[in-house]
Every structure is written in structure tokens, then in C-alpha cells.
């Protein structure tokens, strides 16, 4: 009964977040429309709190009724990703995985969704699936931070399997890719000082 109540609460909370996002978008569109209706000689001078005045015409928002299949698909991906991130932040990783899986299915080239899915598998300790997605990620993305997260996670997976030499190579690669990301060096030191049989590993999920 408690699990059912918790799931209901989380779902309603996510719906509330979506409605708030829509409300903010409507506010922004209303503000832009107000700027368009100003006389031309006032547009460059008018200053209002929270409003950026534009001198060029603002294009009208797209007609949702006439939305293309591509835009509908993008909306679905965004919704799935938002819900997955909500569950991820609440440490409800099984629920998060379901949404990220569907997001990746809808858009296999969405590296952001794949990164979250792979990291979710890390927290679920499903190492094989995590490894598969992180290997794809480091090959497909040009984003240095995401590549570093991928190499670091691959190093963690090898460390869990006690393949420490391979793990160290991944951690060094992660550090070279993004020197500002400190988790790989912490993991590297942990691997080199594991004489007590204890490994303290940082997956890097705090960077998401």
C-alpha cells in the first residue's frame, strides 16, 4: 500500500513539474507578444524586470495542432527524459531506467538519454548493460565531459571485476579527457591503495 501511495505521489509530482514548465513557457510567449505590440520607437528603450526587449520581430509559436511527426517525437523524448531524471534524482532507479530506455528507443542518437540510462544501470549494478551503453557513448559523443564520465564509469566497472590495470587505464583516459573532473583520480588512488580489500568508487553521477 505504501509503495502504491509513493508511486502515485511521484507521478503527480512529475505532472505538476510539467504543468509548471508549460506555465513558464506561456508567460514567456505572452511577454514576447507584448514586446511585439510596442510602438517601434519604444522597443529599443523599454526596460522591464525579467524581460529582454527585442528590436526584431518575434516569430509566432508553432501551431501544436499542426505539429509534424518529428516535433511530436521530440516532445515525447523530452517528456520521457524529464520523468526519468525526476526518478533518478529521487534514487528510484528502476523507474528511471524504464523512462530512459524508452527515450533511447525513440531516439538512439540522443546521447544525453543514453548517458542517464547507462548511469542508472550503474546504480542498479547491472554492469553489463552499463558497459554496453557507456562504450557506445564514448564512441558517439563529442562532448568531453560526457566522454570523461563514460571512461570513468568503464573504469569503475573494471574495478568492480577486479581488473585493476584496465580500470586504471580508463581512469587515466577520463582524466586526460576532462582534467577538471576529479572523480577519476580518486578512483585511481583507490585502486592503487586497495591492499585492505576495500574499493571506494565514484561513478560520477553527481555531475549529471
N, C-alpha and C. Protein backbone atom coordinates (compact mmCIF):
# COMPACT_ATOMS: atom_id res chain seq x y z
N UNK A 1 0.83 -1.20 0.00
CA UNK A 1 0.00 0.00 0.00
C UNK A 1 0.87 1.26 0.00
N UNK A 2 1.95 1.23 0.82
CA UNK A 2 2.86 2.38 0.88
C UNK A 2 3.56 2.60 -0.46
N UNK A 3 3.95 1.50 -1.11
CA UNK A 3 4.61 1.62 -2.42
C UNK A 3 3.66 2.23 -3.44
N UNK A 4 2.40 1.80 -3.41
CA UNK A 4 1.41 2.34 -4.33
C UNK A 4 1.21 3.83 -4.09
N UNK A 5 1.12 4.23 -2.82
CA UNK A 5 0.95 5.65 -2.50
C UNK A 5 2.16 6.45 -2.94
N UNK A 6 3.36 5.88 -2.74
CA UNK A 6 4.58 6.56 -3.15
C UNK A 6 4.62 6.76 -4.66
N UNK A 7 4.27 5.71 -5.42
CA UNK A 7 4.27 5.81 -6.89
C UNK A 7 3.28 6.87 -7.35
N UNK A 8 2.11 6.90 -6.71
CA UNK A 8 1.10 7.89 -7.08
C UNK A 8 1.60 9.31 -6.81
N UNK A 9 2.22 9.49 -5.65
CA UNK A 9 2.74 10.80 -5.30
C UNK A 9 3.80 11.26 -6.29
N UNK A 10 4.73 10.37 -6.64
CA UNK A 10 5.80 10.73 -7.57
C UNK A 10 5.23 11.09 -8.94
N UNK A 11 4.28 10.31 -9.42
CA UNK A 11 3.69 10.57 -10.73
C UNK A 11 3.00 11.93 -10.75
N UNK A 12 2.24 12.22 -9.68
CA UNK A 12 1.56 13.51 -9.63
C UNK A 12 2.54 14.66 -9.52
N UNK A 13 3.64 14.44 -8.80
CA UNK A 13 4.66 15.48 -8.69
C UNK A 13 5.30 15.77 -10.05
N UNK A 14 5.58 14.73 -10.82
CA UNK A 14 6.16 14.91 -12.15
C UNK A 14 5.19 15.64 -13.07
N UNK A 15 3.89 15.31 -12.96
CA UNK A 15 2.89 16.01 -13.76
C UNK A 15 2.83 17.49 -13.39
N UNK A 16 2.95 17.77 -12.09
CA UNK A 16 2.96 19.16 -11.64
C UNK A 16 4.15 19.91 -12.23
N UNK A 17 5.34 19.27 -12.25
CA UNK A 17 6.52 19.89 -12.82
C UNK A 17 6.32 20.20 -14.30
N UNK A 18 5.67 19.29 -15.04
CA UNK A 18 5.42 19.51 -16.45
C UNK A 18 4.48 20.70 -16.65
N UNK A 19 3.43 20.78 -15.80
CA UNK A 19 2.49 21.89 -15.92
C UNK A 19 3.15 23.22 -15.60
N UNK A 20 4.04 23.24 -14.62
CA UNK A 20 4.77 24.46 -14.29
C UNK A 20 5.66 24.89 -15.45
N UNK A 21 6.28 23.92 -16.12
CA UNK A 21 7.11 24.24 -17.29
C UNK A 21 6.27 24.85 -18.40
N UNK A 22 5.06 24.28 -18.63
CA UNK A 22 4.16 24.84 -19.63
C UNK A 22 3.73 26.25 -19.25
N UNK A 23 3.47 26.46 -17.96
CA UNK A 23 3.04 27.78 -17.49
C UNK A 23 4.13 28.82 -17.72
N UNK A 24 5.39 28.46 -17.43
CA UNK A 24 6.50 29.39 -17.64
C UNK A 24 6.66 29.72 -19.12
N UNK A 25 6.45 28.71 -19.98
CA UNK A 25 6.56 28.93 -21.42
C UNK A 25 5.48 29.90 -21.89
N UNK A 26 4.25 29.74 -21.37
CA UNK A 26 3.17 30.66 -21.73
C UNK A 26 3.48 32.07 -21.27
N UNK A 27 4.05 32.23 -20.08
CA UNK A 27 4.44 33.55 -19.59
C UNK A 27 5.46 34.19 -20.53
N UNK A 28 6.44 33.40 -20.95
CA UNK A 28 7.47 33.91 -21.85
C UNK A 28 6.88 34.33 -23.18
N UNK A 29 5.97 33.52 -23.74
CA UNK A 29 5.34 33.85 -25.01
C UNK A 29 4.49 35.12 -24.88
N UNK A 30 3.81 35.26 -23.74
CA UNK A 30 2.99 36.45 -23.52
C UNK A 30 3.85 37.70 -23.45
N UNK A 31 5.01 37.59 -22.79
CA UNK A 31 5.91 38.74 -22.69
C UNK A 31 6.45 39.13 -24.06
N UNK A 32 6.81 38.12 -24.87
CA UNK A 32 7.31 38.41 -26.21
C UNK A 32 6.25 39.08 -27.06
N UNK A 33 5.00 38.63 -26.92
CA UNK A 33 3.91 39.23 -27.68
C UNK A 33 3.71 40.69 -27.29
N UNK A 34 3.84 40.98 -25.99
CA UNK A 34 3.70 42.35 -25.52
C UNK A 34 4.78 43.25 -26.12
N UNK A 35 5.99 42.72 -26.26
CA UNK A 35 7.07 43.50 -26.84
C UNK A 35 6.79 43.78 -28.31
N UNK A 36 6.26 42.78 -29.03
CA UNK A 36 5.96 42.97 -30.44
C UNK A 36 4.93 44.07 -30.64
N UNK A 37 3.99 44.23 -29.70
CA UNK A 37 2.92 45.20 -29.86
C UNK A 37 3.33 46.61 -29.47
N UNK A 38 4.56 46.79 -28.92
CA UNK A 38 5.02 48.13 -28.59
C UNK A 38 5.27 48.93 -29.87
N UNK A 39 5.09 50.26 -29.85
CA UNK A 39 5.47 51.08 -30.99
C UNK A 39 6.95 50.90 -31.29
N UNK A 40 7.33 50.99 -32.56
CA UNK A 40 8.70 50.70 -32.96
C UNK A 40 9.71 51.59 -32.24
N UNK A 41 9.38 52.88 -32.02
CA UNK A 41 10.34 53.78 -31.41
C UNK A 41 10.51 53.55 -29.92
N UNK A 42 9.68 52.67 -29.32
CA UNK A 42 9.82 52.37 -27.90
C UNK A 42 10.52 51.05 -27.66
N UNK A 43 10.65 50.22 -28.67
CA UNK A 43 11.14 48.86 -28.47
C UNK A 43 12.57 48.84 -27.93
N UNK A 44 13.40 49.71 -28.44
CA UNK A 44 14.79 49.69 -28.03
C UNK A 44 15.01 50.38 -26.69
N UNK A 45 13.98 51.15 -26.20
CA UNK A 45 14.15 51.90 -24.97
C UNK A 45 13.45 51.26 -23.78
N UNK A 46 12.39 50.52 -24.04
CA UNK A 46 11.59 49.95 -22.94
C UNK A 46 12.39 48.95 -22.14
N UNK A 47 12.41 49.09 -20.83
CA UNK A 47 13.10 48.16 -19.94
C UNK A 47 12.13 47.70 -18.87
N UNK A 48 11.96 46.40 -18.76
CA UNK A 48 11.07 45.83 -17.76
C UNK A 48 11.81 44.72 -17.04
N UNK A 49 11.60 44.55 -15.74
CA UNK A 49 12.27 43.47 -15.00
C UNK A 49 11.95 42.10 -15.58
N UNK A 50 13.01 41.32 -15.83
CA UNK A 50 12.82 39.94 -16.30
C UNK A 50 12.45 39.84 -17.76
N UNK A 51 12.53 40.93 -18.49
CA UNK A 51 12.11 40.90 -19.90
C UNK A 51 13.23 41.43 -20.77
N UNK A 52 13.63 40.67 -21.77
CA UNK A 52 14.62 41.13 -22.73
C UNK A 52 13.87 41.70 -23.93
N UNK A 53 14.07 42.97 -24.17
CA UNK A 53 13.35 43.62 -25.26
C UNK A 53 14.07 43.37 -26.56
N UNK A 54 13.34 42.95 -27.57
CA UNK A 54 13.92 42.64 -28.87
C UNK A 54 13.48 43.69 -29.88
N UNK A 55 14.43 44.10 -30.72
CA UNK A 55 14.07 45.05 -31.76
C UNK A 55 13.60 44.37 -33.02
N UNK A 56 13.92 43.09 -33.16
CA UNK A 56 13.47 42.34 -34.34
C UNK A 56 12.14 41.67 -34.04
N UNK A 57 11.31 41.44 -35.05
CA UNK A 57 10.03 40.75 -34.83
C UNK A 57 10.25 39.38 -34.24
N UNK A 58 9.36 38.99 -33.36
CA UNK A 58 9.42 37.67 -32.74
C UNK A 58 8.49 36.75 -33.50
N UNK A 59 9.00 35.59 -33.89
CA UNK A 59 8.17 34.67 -34.65
C UNK A 59 7.09 34.09 -33.76
N UNK A 60 5.94 33.79 -34.37
CA UNK A 60 4.82 33.23 -33.62
C UNK A 60 5.13 31.81 -33.20
N UNK A 61 4.62 31.37 -32.05
CA UNK A 61 4.85 29.99 -31.60
C UNK A 61 4.22 29.02 -32.57
N UNK A 62 4.80 27.83 -32.72
CA UNK A 62 4.25 26.84 -33.66
C UNK A 62 2.86 26.41 -33.25
N UNK A 63 2.04 26.10 -34.25
CA UNK A 63 0.69 25.62 -34.01
C UNK A 63 0.75 24.16 -33.63
N UNK A 64 0.41 23.85 -32.36
CA UNK A 64 0.52 22.47 -31.89
C UNK A 64 -0.41 21.54 -32.64
N UNK A 65 -1.51 22.06 -33.13
CA UNK A 65 -2.46 21.21 -33.85
C UNK A 65 -1.87 20.73 -35.16
N UNK A 66 -0.92 21.54 -35.70
CA UNK A 66 -0.32 21.19 -36.98
C UNK A 66 1.10 20.69 -36.80
N UNK A 67 1.43 20.24 -35.63
CA UNK A 67 2.80 19.78 -35.35
C UNK A 67 3.15 18.59 -36.22
N UNK A 68 4.42 18.56 -36.65
CA UNK A 68 4.87 17.47 -37.50
C UNK A 68 5.15 16.23 -36.66
N UNK A 69 5.22 15.05 -37.28
CA UNK A 69 5.57 13.84 -36.52
C UNK A 69 6.92 13.98 -35.82
N UNK A 70 7.87 14.68 -36.47
CA UNK A 70 9.19 14.85 -35.86
C UNK A 70 9.09 15.65 -34.57
N UNK A 71 8.28 16.72 -34.58
CA UNK A 71 8.16 17.54 -33.38
C UNK A 71 7.43 16.78 -32.29
N UNK A 72 6.42 15.96 -32.66
CA UNK A 72 5.73 15.15 -31.68
C UNK A 72 6.67 14.15 -31.04
N UNK A 73 7.56 13.59 -31.87
CA UNK A 73 8.55 12.64 -31.36
C UNK A 73 9.50 13.33 -30.39
N UNK A 74 9.91 14.57 -30.71
CA UNK A 74 10.80 15.32 -29.83
C UNK A 74 10.13 15.60 -28.50
N UNK A 75 8.82 15.95 -28.55
CA UNK A 75 8.09 16.20 -27.31
C UNK A 75 8.05 14.95 -26.44
N UNK A 76 7.85 13.80 -27.07
CA UNK A 76 7.81 12.54 -26.33
C UNK A 76 9.15 12.25 -25.68
N UNK A 77 10.24 12.45 -26.44
CA UNK A 77 11.57 12.22 -25.90
C UNK A 77 11.83 13.13 -24.71
N UNK A 78 11.45 14.40 -24.83
CA UNK A 78 11.67 15.36 -23.73
C UNK A 78 10.88 14.95 -22.49
N UNK A 79 9.65 14.49 -22.70
CA UNK A 79 8.82 14.08 -21.57
C UNK A 79 9.41 12.86 -20.88
N UNK A 80 9.84 11.89 -21.68
CA UNK A 80 10.45 10.68 -21.11
C UNK A 80 11.72 11.02 -20.34
N UNK A 81 12.53 11.91 -20.91
CA UNK A 81 13.79 12.28 -20.27
C UNK A 81 13.53 13.04 -18.97
N UNK A 82 12.55 13.94 -18.98
CA UNK A 82 12.23 14.71 -17.78
C UNK A 82 11.74 13.80 -16.66
N UNK A 83 10.86 12.88 -16.99
CA UNK A 83 10.34 11.95 -15.97
C UNK A 83 11.46 11.04 -15.45
N UNK A 84 12.30 10.57 -16.37
CA UNK A 84 13.41 9.72 -15.95
C UNK A 84 14.35 10.45 -15.01
N UNK A 85 14.64 11.72 -15.31
CA UNK A 85 15.52 12.50 -14.45
C UNK A 85 14.89 12.72 -13.08
N UNK A 86 13.57 12.89 -13.05
CA UNK A 86 12.88 13.06 -11.77
C UNK A 86 13.04 11.83 -10.89
N UNK A 87 12.82 10.67 -11.48
CA UNK A 87 13.00 9.42 -10.71
C UNK A 87 14.46 9.23 -10.32
N UNK A 88 15.39 9.60 -11.22
CA UNK A 88 16.82 9.44 -10.95
C UNK A 88 17.21 10.26 -9.73
N UNK A 89 16.74 11.50 -9.65
CA UNK A 89 17.09 12.37 -8.53
C UNK A 89 16.50 11.86 -7.22
N UNK A 90 15.42 11.09 -7.31
CA UNK A 90 14.81 10.52 -6.12
C UNK A 90 15.34 9.12 -5.81
N UNK A 91 16.39 8.71 -6.54
CA UNK A 91 17.03 7.40 -6.35
C UNK A 91 16.07 6.24 -6.62
N UNK A 92 15.06 6.48 -7.45
CA UNK A 92 14.14 5.42 -7.87
C UNK A 92 14.61 4.92 -9.23
N UNK A 93 15.73 4.19 -9.20
CA UNK A 93 16.46 3.89 -10.42
C UNK A 93 15.72 2.92 -11.35
N UNK A 94 14.93 2.02 -10.81
CA UNK A 94 14.20 1.10 -11.67
C UNK A 94 13.17 1.86 -12.50
N UNK A 95 12.48 2.81 -11.86
CA UNK A 95 11.51 3.63 -12.59
C UNK A 95 12.24 4.52 -13.62
N UNK A 96 13.36 5.08 -13.20
CA UNK A 96 14.13 5.94 -14.11
C UNK A 96 14.58 5.16 -15.34
N UNK A 97 15.05 3.93 -15.14
CA UNK A 97 15.54 3.12 -16.24
C UNK A 97 14.46 2.89 -17.30
N UNK A 98 13.23 2.66 -16.85
CA UNK A 98 12.14 2.40 -17.80
C UNK A 98 11.93 3.59 -18.73
N UNK A 99 11.99 4.81 -18.17
CA UNK A 99 11.79 6.01 -19.00
C UNK A 99 12.99 6.27 -19.90
N UNK A 100 14.20 6.10 -19.38
CA UNK A 100 15.39 6.32 -20.21
C UNK A 100 15.49 5.28 -21.33
N UNK A 101 15.09 4.04 -21.04
CA UNK A 101 15.10 3.01 -22.07
C UNK A 101 14.19 3.40 -23.23
N UNK A 102 13.01 3.90 -22.89
CA UNK A 102 12.07 4.30 -23.94
C UNK A 102 12.59 5.51 -24.70
N UNK A 103 13.25 6.45 -23.99
CA UNK A 103 13.81 7.63 -24.64
C UNK A 103 14.89 7.23 -25.65
N UNK A 104 15.75 6.30 -25.26
CA UNK A 104 16.80 5.83 -26.16
C UNK A 104 16.20 5.05 -27.33
N UNK A 105 15.13 4.32 -27.07
CA UNK A 105 14.45 3.59 -28.14
C UNK A 105 13.86 4.56 -29.16
N UNK A 106 13.29 5.67 -28.66
CA UNK A 106 12.70 6.66 -29.56
C UNK A 106 13.78 7.42 -30.33
N UNK A 107 14.93 7.65 -29.69
CA UNK A 107 15.99 8.44 -30.33
C UNK A 107 17.35 7.84 -29.99
N UNK A 108 17.80 6.83 -30.73
CA UNK A 108 19.08 6.17 -30.43
C UNK A 108 20.28 7.11 -30.47
N UNK A 109 20.16 8.25 -31.16
CA UNK A 109 21.27 9.20 -31.25
C UNK A 109 21.23 10.25 -30.15
N UNK A 110 20.31 10.13 -29.20
CA UNK A 110 20.23 11.06 -28.08
C UNK A 110 21.24 10.63 -27.01
N UNK A 111 22.42 11.22 -27.07
CA UNK A 111 23.49 10.81 -26.17
C UNK A 111 23.20 11.18 -24.71
N UNK A 112 22.43 12.24 -24.50
CA UNK A 112 22.07 12.61 -23.13
C UNK A 112 21.22 11.55 -22.47
N UNK A 113 20.23 11.03 -23.21
CA UNK A 113 19.39 9.97 -22.68
C UNK A 113 20.20 8.71 -22.44
N UNK A 114 21.12 8.41 -23.36
CA UNK A 114 21.95 7.21 -23.20
C UNK A 114 22.87 7.34 -21.98
N UNK A 115 23.39 8.54 -21.74
CA UNK A 115 24.24 8.75 -20.57
C UNK A 115 23.46 8.49 -19.29
N UNK A 116 22.25 9.03 -19.20
CA UNK A 116 21.44 8.80 -18.00
C UNK A 116 21.07 7.33 -17.85
N UNK A 117 20.75 6.67 -18.97
CA UNK A 117 20.40 5.25 -18.90
C UNK A 117 21.59 4.43 -18.40
N UNK A 118 22.76 4.71 -18.95
CA UNK A 118 23.96 3.96 -18.55
C UNK A 118 24.26 4.19 -17.07
N UNK A 119 24.13 5.45 -16.61
CA UNK A 119 24.41 5.73 -15.20
C UNK A 119 23.38 5.08 -14.29
N UNK A 120 22.14 5.00 -14.76
CA UNK A 120 21.10 4.32 -13.99
C UNK A 120 21.43 2.84 -13.83
N UNK A 121 21.91 2.22 -14.91
CA UNK A 121 22.33 0.82 -14.82
C UNK A 121 23.49 0.65 -13.82
N UNK A 122 24.37 1.65 -13.73
CA UNK A 122 25.45 1.58 -12.75
C UNK A 122 24.88 1.47 -11.33
N UNK A 123 23.89 2.31 -11.03
CA UNK A 123 23.31 2.30 -9.69
C UNK A 123 22.51 1.03 -9.43
N UNK A 124 22.00 0.44 -10.49
CA UNK A 124 21.30 -0.84 -10.35
C UNK A 124 22.27 -2.02 -10.33
N UNK A 125 23.56 -1.73 -10.50
CA UNK A 125 24.61 -2.74 -10.53
C UNK A 125 24.40 -3.75 -11.66
N UNK A 126 23.83 -3.28 -12.75
CA UNK A 126 23.70 -4.09 -13.96
C UNK A 126 24.88 -3.72 -14.86
N UNK A 127 26.03 -4.27 -14.51
CA UNK A 127 27.29 -3.82 -15.09
C UNK A 127 27.38 -4.05 -16.59
N UNK A 128 26.86 -5.16 -17.07
CA UNK A 128 26.99 -5.48 -18.49
C UNK A 128 26.26 -4.47 -19.35
N UNK A 129 25.00 -4.13 -18.97
CA UNK A 129 24.23 -3.14 -19.72
C UNK A 129 24.86 -1.76 -19.60
N UNK A 130 25.34 -1.43 -18.41
CA UNK A 130 26.00 -0.13 -18.23
C UNK A 130 27.23 -0.03 -19.13
N UNK A 131 28.02 -1.09 -19.17
CA UNK A 131 29.22 -1.10 -20.00
C UNK A 131 28.88 -0.92 -21.47
N UNK A 132 27.85 -1.61 -21.92
CA UNK A 132 27.46 -1.53 -23.34
C UNK A 132 27.11 -0.10 -23.72
N UNK A 133 26.32 0.57 -22.89
CA UNK A 133 25.88 1.93 -23.23
C UNK A 133 27.01 2.95 -23.07
N UNK A 134 27.87 2.77 -22.08
CA UNK A 134 28.98 3.71 -21.93
C UNK A 134 29.99 3.55 -23.07
N UNK A 135 30.20 2.33 -23.53
CA UNK A 135 31.10 2.14 -24.67
C UNK A 135 30.56 2.82 -25.92
N UNK A 136 29.25 2.72 -26.12
CA UNK A 136 28.63 3.43 -27.24
C UNK A 136 28.77 4.94 -27.07
N UNK A 137 28.56 5.41 -25.84
CA UNK A 137 28.59 6.84 -25.57
C UNK A 137 29.95 7.44 -25.89
N UNK A 138 31.03 6.82 -25.42
CA UNK A 138 32.36 7.42 -25.62
C UNK A 138 32.74 7.41 -27.10
N UNK A 139 32.15 6.52 -27.89
CA UNK A 139 32.42 6.49 -29.32
C UNK A 139 31.58 7.52 -30.08
N UNK A 140 30.38 7.78 -29.59
CA UNK A 140 29.44 8.60 -30.36
C UNK A 140 29.46 10.08 -30.01
N UNK A 141 29.79 10.42 -28.75
CA UNK A 141 29.69 11.81 -28.33
C UNK A 141 30.98 12.57 -28.57
N UNK A 142 30.85 13.87 -28.84
CA UNK A 142 32.00 14.76 -28.95
C UNK A 142 32.13 15.64 -27.71
N UNK A 143 31.27 15.42 -26.73
CA UNK A 143 31.25 16.23 -25.51
C UNK A 143 32.32 15.70 -24.55
N UNK A 144 33.39 16.48 -24.26
CA UNK A 144 34.47 15.98 -23.40
C UNK A 144 34.00 15.52 -22.03
N UNK A 145 33.08 16.27 -21.41
CA UNK A 145 32.60 15.88 -20.08
C UNK A 145 31.90 14.53 -20.12
N UNK A 146 31.07 14.32 -21.15
CA UNK A 146 30.35 13.05 -21.27
C UNK A 146 31.32 11.91 -21.56
N UNK A 147 32.33 12.18 -22.39
CA UNK A 147 33.33 11.16 -22.64
C UNK A 147 34.06 10.79 -21.35
N UNK A 148 34.42 11.80 -20.57
CA UNK A 148 35.12 11.54 -19.30
C UNK A 148 34.24 10.75 -18.35
N UNK A 149 32.96 11.08 -18.28
CA UNK A 149 32.04 10.31 -17.44
C UNK A 149 31.98 8.86 -17.91
N UNK A 150 31.98 8.67 -19.22
CA UNK A 150 31.93 7.32 -19.78
C UNK A 150 33.17 6.52 -19.44
N UNK A 151 34.35 7.11 -19.66
CA UNK A 151 35.60 6.40 -19.34
C UNK A 151 35.70 6.10 -17.84
N UNK A 152 35.28 7.06 -17.02
CA UNK A 152 35.33 6.84 -15.57
C UNK A 152 34.42 5.67 -15.16
N UNK A 153 33.21 5.65 -15.73
CA UNK A 153 32.28 4.56 -15.40
C UNK A 153 32.82 3.22 -15.88
N UNK A 154 33.42 3.20 -17.07
CA UNK A 154 34.00 1.95 -17.57
C UNK A 154 35.14 1.49 -16.65
N UNK A 155 35.89 2.46 -16.11
CA UNK A 155 36.92 2.10 -15.15
C UNK A 155 36.34 1.50 -13.88
N UNK A 156 35.22 2.09 -13.42
CA UNK A 156 34.57 1.55 -12.22
C UNK A 156 34.10 0.12 -12.43
N UNK A 157 33.57 -0.14 -13.62
CA UNK A 157 33.08 -1.50 -13.92
C UNK A 157 34.24 -2.49 -13.89
N UNK A 158 35.38 -2.10 -14.47
CA UNK A 158 36.55 -2.99 -14.45
C UNK A 158 37.07 -3.15 -13.02
N UNK A 159 37.00 -2.10 -12.22
CA UNK A 159 37.46 -2.20 -10.83
C UNK A 159 36.58 -3.14 -10.03
N UNK A 160 35.26 -3.07 -10.27
CA UNK A 160 34.34 -3.98 -9.59
C UNK A 160 34.69 -5.43 -9.93
N UNK A 161 35.12 -5.66 -11.17
CA UNK A 161 35.50 -7.01 -11.60
C UNK A 161 36.93 -7.35 -11.21
N UNK A 162 37.60 -6.41 -10.51
CA UNK A 162 38.98 -6.56 -10.05
C UNK A 162 39.98 -6.63 -11.20
N UNK A 163 39.60 -6.08 -12.34
CA UNK A 163 40.55 -5.90 -13.44
C UNK A 163 41.19 -4.52 -13.26
N UNK A 164 42.08 -4.42 -12.27
CA UNK A 164 42.54 -3.11 -11.81
C UNK A 164 43.44 -2.41 -12.81
N UNK A 165 44.24 -3.14 -13.56
CA UNK A 165 45.10 -2.49 -14.55
C UNK A 165 44.27 -1.84 -15.64
N UNK A 166 43.24 -2.55 -16.11
CA UNK A 166 42.36 -1.98 -17.12
C UNK A 166 41.58 -0.80 -16.54
N UNK A 167 41.17 -0.93 -15.28
CA UNK A 167 40.44 0.16 -14.63
C UNK A 167 41.30 1.42 -14.57
N UNK A 168 42.57 1.26 -14.22
CA UNK A 168 43.47 2.41 -14.13
C UNK A 168 43.64 3.09 -15.48
N UNK A 169 43.70 2.31 -16.55
CA UNK A 169 43.83 2.90 -17.89
C UNK A 169 42.60 3.75 -18.22
N UNK A 170 41.41 3.26 -17.86
CA UNK A 170 40.20 4.04 -18.11
C UNK A 170 40.18 5.31 -17.26
N UNK A 171 40.59 5.22 -16.02
CA UNK A 171 40.59 6.40 -15.15
C UNK A 171 41.56 7.46 -15.67
N UNK A 172 42.72 7.03 -16.14
CA UNK A 172 43.68 7.97 -16.71
C UNK A 172 43.13 8.61 -17.99
N UNK A 173 42.44 7.82 -18.80
CA UNK A 173 41.84 8.35 -20.02
C UNK A 173 40.77 9.38 -19.68
N UNK A 174 39.97 9.10 -18.64
CA UNK A 174 38.93 10.04 -18.21
C UNK A 174 39.56 11.35 -17.75
N UNK A 175 40.65 11.26 -17.00
CA UNK A 175 41.32 12.47 -16.50
C UNK A 175 41.92 13.27 -17.66
N UNK A 176 42.50 12.59 -18.63
CA UNK A 176 43.07 13.28 -19.78
C UNK A 176 41.98 13.99 -20.59
N UNK A 177 40.82 13.36 -20.68
CA UNK A 177 39.72 13.93 -21.46
C UNK A 177 39.15 15.18 -20.81
N UNK A 178 39.02 15.16 -19.47
CA UNK A 178 38.49 16.32 -18.75
C UNK A 178 39.22 16.45 -17.41
N UNK A 179 40.34 17.19 -17.38
CA UNK A 179 41.13 17.30 -16.15
C UNK A 179 40.36 17.93 -14.98
N UNK A 180 39.29 18.68 -15.27
CA UNK A 180 38.52 19.31 -14.20
C UNK A 180 37.64 18.31 -13.45
N UNK A 181 37.43 17.15 -14.02
CA UNK A 181 36.61 16.10 -13.41
C UNK A 181 37.50 15.30 -12.47
N UNK A 182 37.25 15.39 -11.15
CA UNK A 182 38.18 14.84 -10.16
C UNK A 182 37.91 13.39 -9.77
N UNK A 183 36.73 12.87 -10.06
CA UNK A 183 36.40 11.50 -9.65
C UNK A 183 37.38 10.45 -10.18
N UNK A 184 37.84 10.55 -11.44
CA UNK A 184 38.76 9.51 -11.94
C UNK A 184 40.04 9.40 -11.12
N UNK A 185 40.60 10.53 -10.67
CA UNK A 185 41.82 10.47 -9.87
C UNK A 185 41.56 9.84 -8.51
N UNK A 186 40.39 10.14 -7.91
CA UNK A 186 40.03 9.50 -6.64
C UNK A 186 39.91 7.99 -6.81
N UNK A 187 39.29 7.58 -7.93
CA UNK A 187 39.14 6.15 -8.20
C UNK A 187 40.49 5.49 -8.47
N UNK A 188 41.35 6.23 -9.18
CA UNK A 188 42.69 5.71 -9.47
C UNK A 188 43.47 5.46 -8.18
N UNK A 189 43.42 6.40 -7.26
CA UNK A 189 44.11 6.23 -5.97
C UNK A 189 43.52 5.07 -5.18
N UNK A 190 42.20 4.92 -5.26
CA UNK A 190 41.55 3.82 -4.55
C UNK A 190 42.04 2.47 -5.08
N UNK A 191 42.19 2.37 -6.40
CA UNK A 191 42.67 1.12 -6.99
C UNK A 191 44.11 0.82 -6.57
N UNK A 192 44.92 1.86 -6.45
CA UNK A 192 46.33 1.68 -6.12
C UNK A 192 46.55 1.44 -4.63
N UNK A 193 45.51 1.69 -3.82
CA UNK A 193 45.64 1.52 -2.38
C UNK A 193 44.58 0.56 -1.84
N UNK A 194 44.37 -0.52 -2.58
CA UNK A 194 43.29 -1.45 -2.23
C UNK A 194 43.79 -2.62 -1.40
N UNK A 195 44.93 -2.47 -0.76
CA UNK A 195 45.52 -3.58 -0.01
C UNK A 195 44.59 -4.13 1.07
N UNK A 196 43.72 -3.26 1.59
CA UNK A 196 42.79 -3.71 2.62
C UNK A 196 41.57 -4.42 2.04
N UNK A 197 41.57 -4.58 0.70
CA UNK A 197 40.44 -5.25 0.05
C UNK A 197 39.23 -4.38 -0.15
N UNK A 198 39.35 -3.08 0.15
CA UNK A 198 38.21 -2.16 0.06
C UNK A 198 38.44 -1.18 -1.09
N UNK A 199 37.44 -1.03 -1.94
CA UNK A 199 37.48 -0.07 -3.03
C UNK A 199 36.38 0.97 -2.83
N UNK A 200 36.76 2.22 -2.88
CA UNK A 200 35.80 3.31 -2.80
C UNK A 200 35.73 3.97 -4.16
N UNK A 201 34.60 3.79 -4.86
CA UNK A 201 34.50 4.23 -6.25
C UNK A 201 33.43 5.32 -6.39
N UNK A 202 33.72 6.28 -7.23
CA UNK A 202 32.80 7.36 -7.56
C UNK A 202 32.37 7.22 -9.01
N UNK A 203 31.07 6.94 -9.21
CA UNK A 203 30.57 6.73 -10.57
C UNK A 203 30.54 8.02 -11.40
N UNK A 204 30.44 9.16 -10.72
CA UNK A 204 30.34 10.43 -11.46
C UNK A 204 28.93 10.91 -11.64
N UNK A 205 27.95 10.24 -11.04
CA UNK A 205 26.54 10.64 -11.25
C UNK A 205 26.23 12.01 -10.66
N UNK A 206 27.09 12.48 -9.72
CA UNK A 206 26.88 13.81 -9.18
C UNK A 206 27.11 14.91 -10.20
N UNK A 207 27.72 14.56 -11.34
CA UNK A 207 27.98 15.53 -12.41
C UNK A 207 26.77 15.71 -13.34
N UNK A 208 25.76 14.85 -13.20
CA UNK A 208 24.62 14.92 -14.11
C UNK A 208 23.64 15.98 -13.67
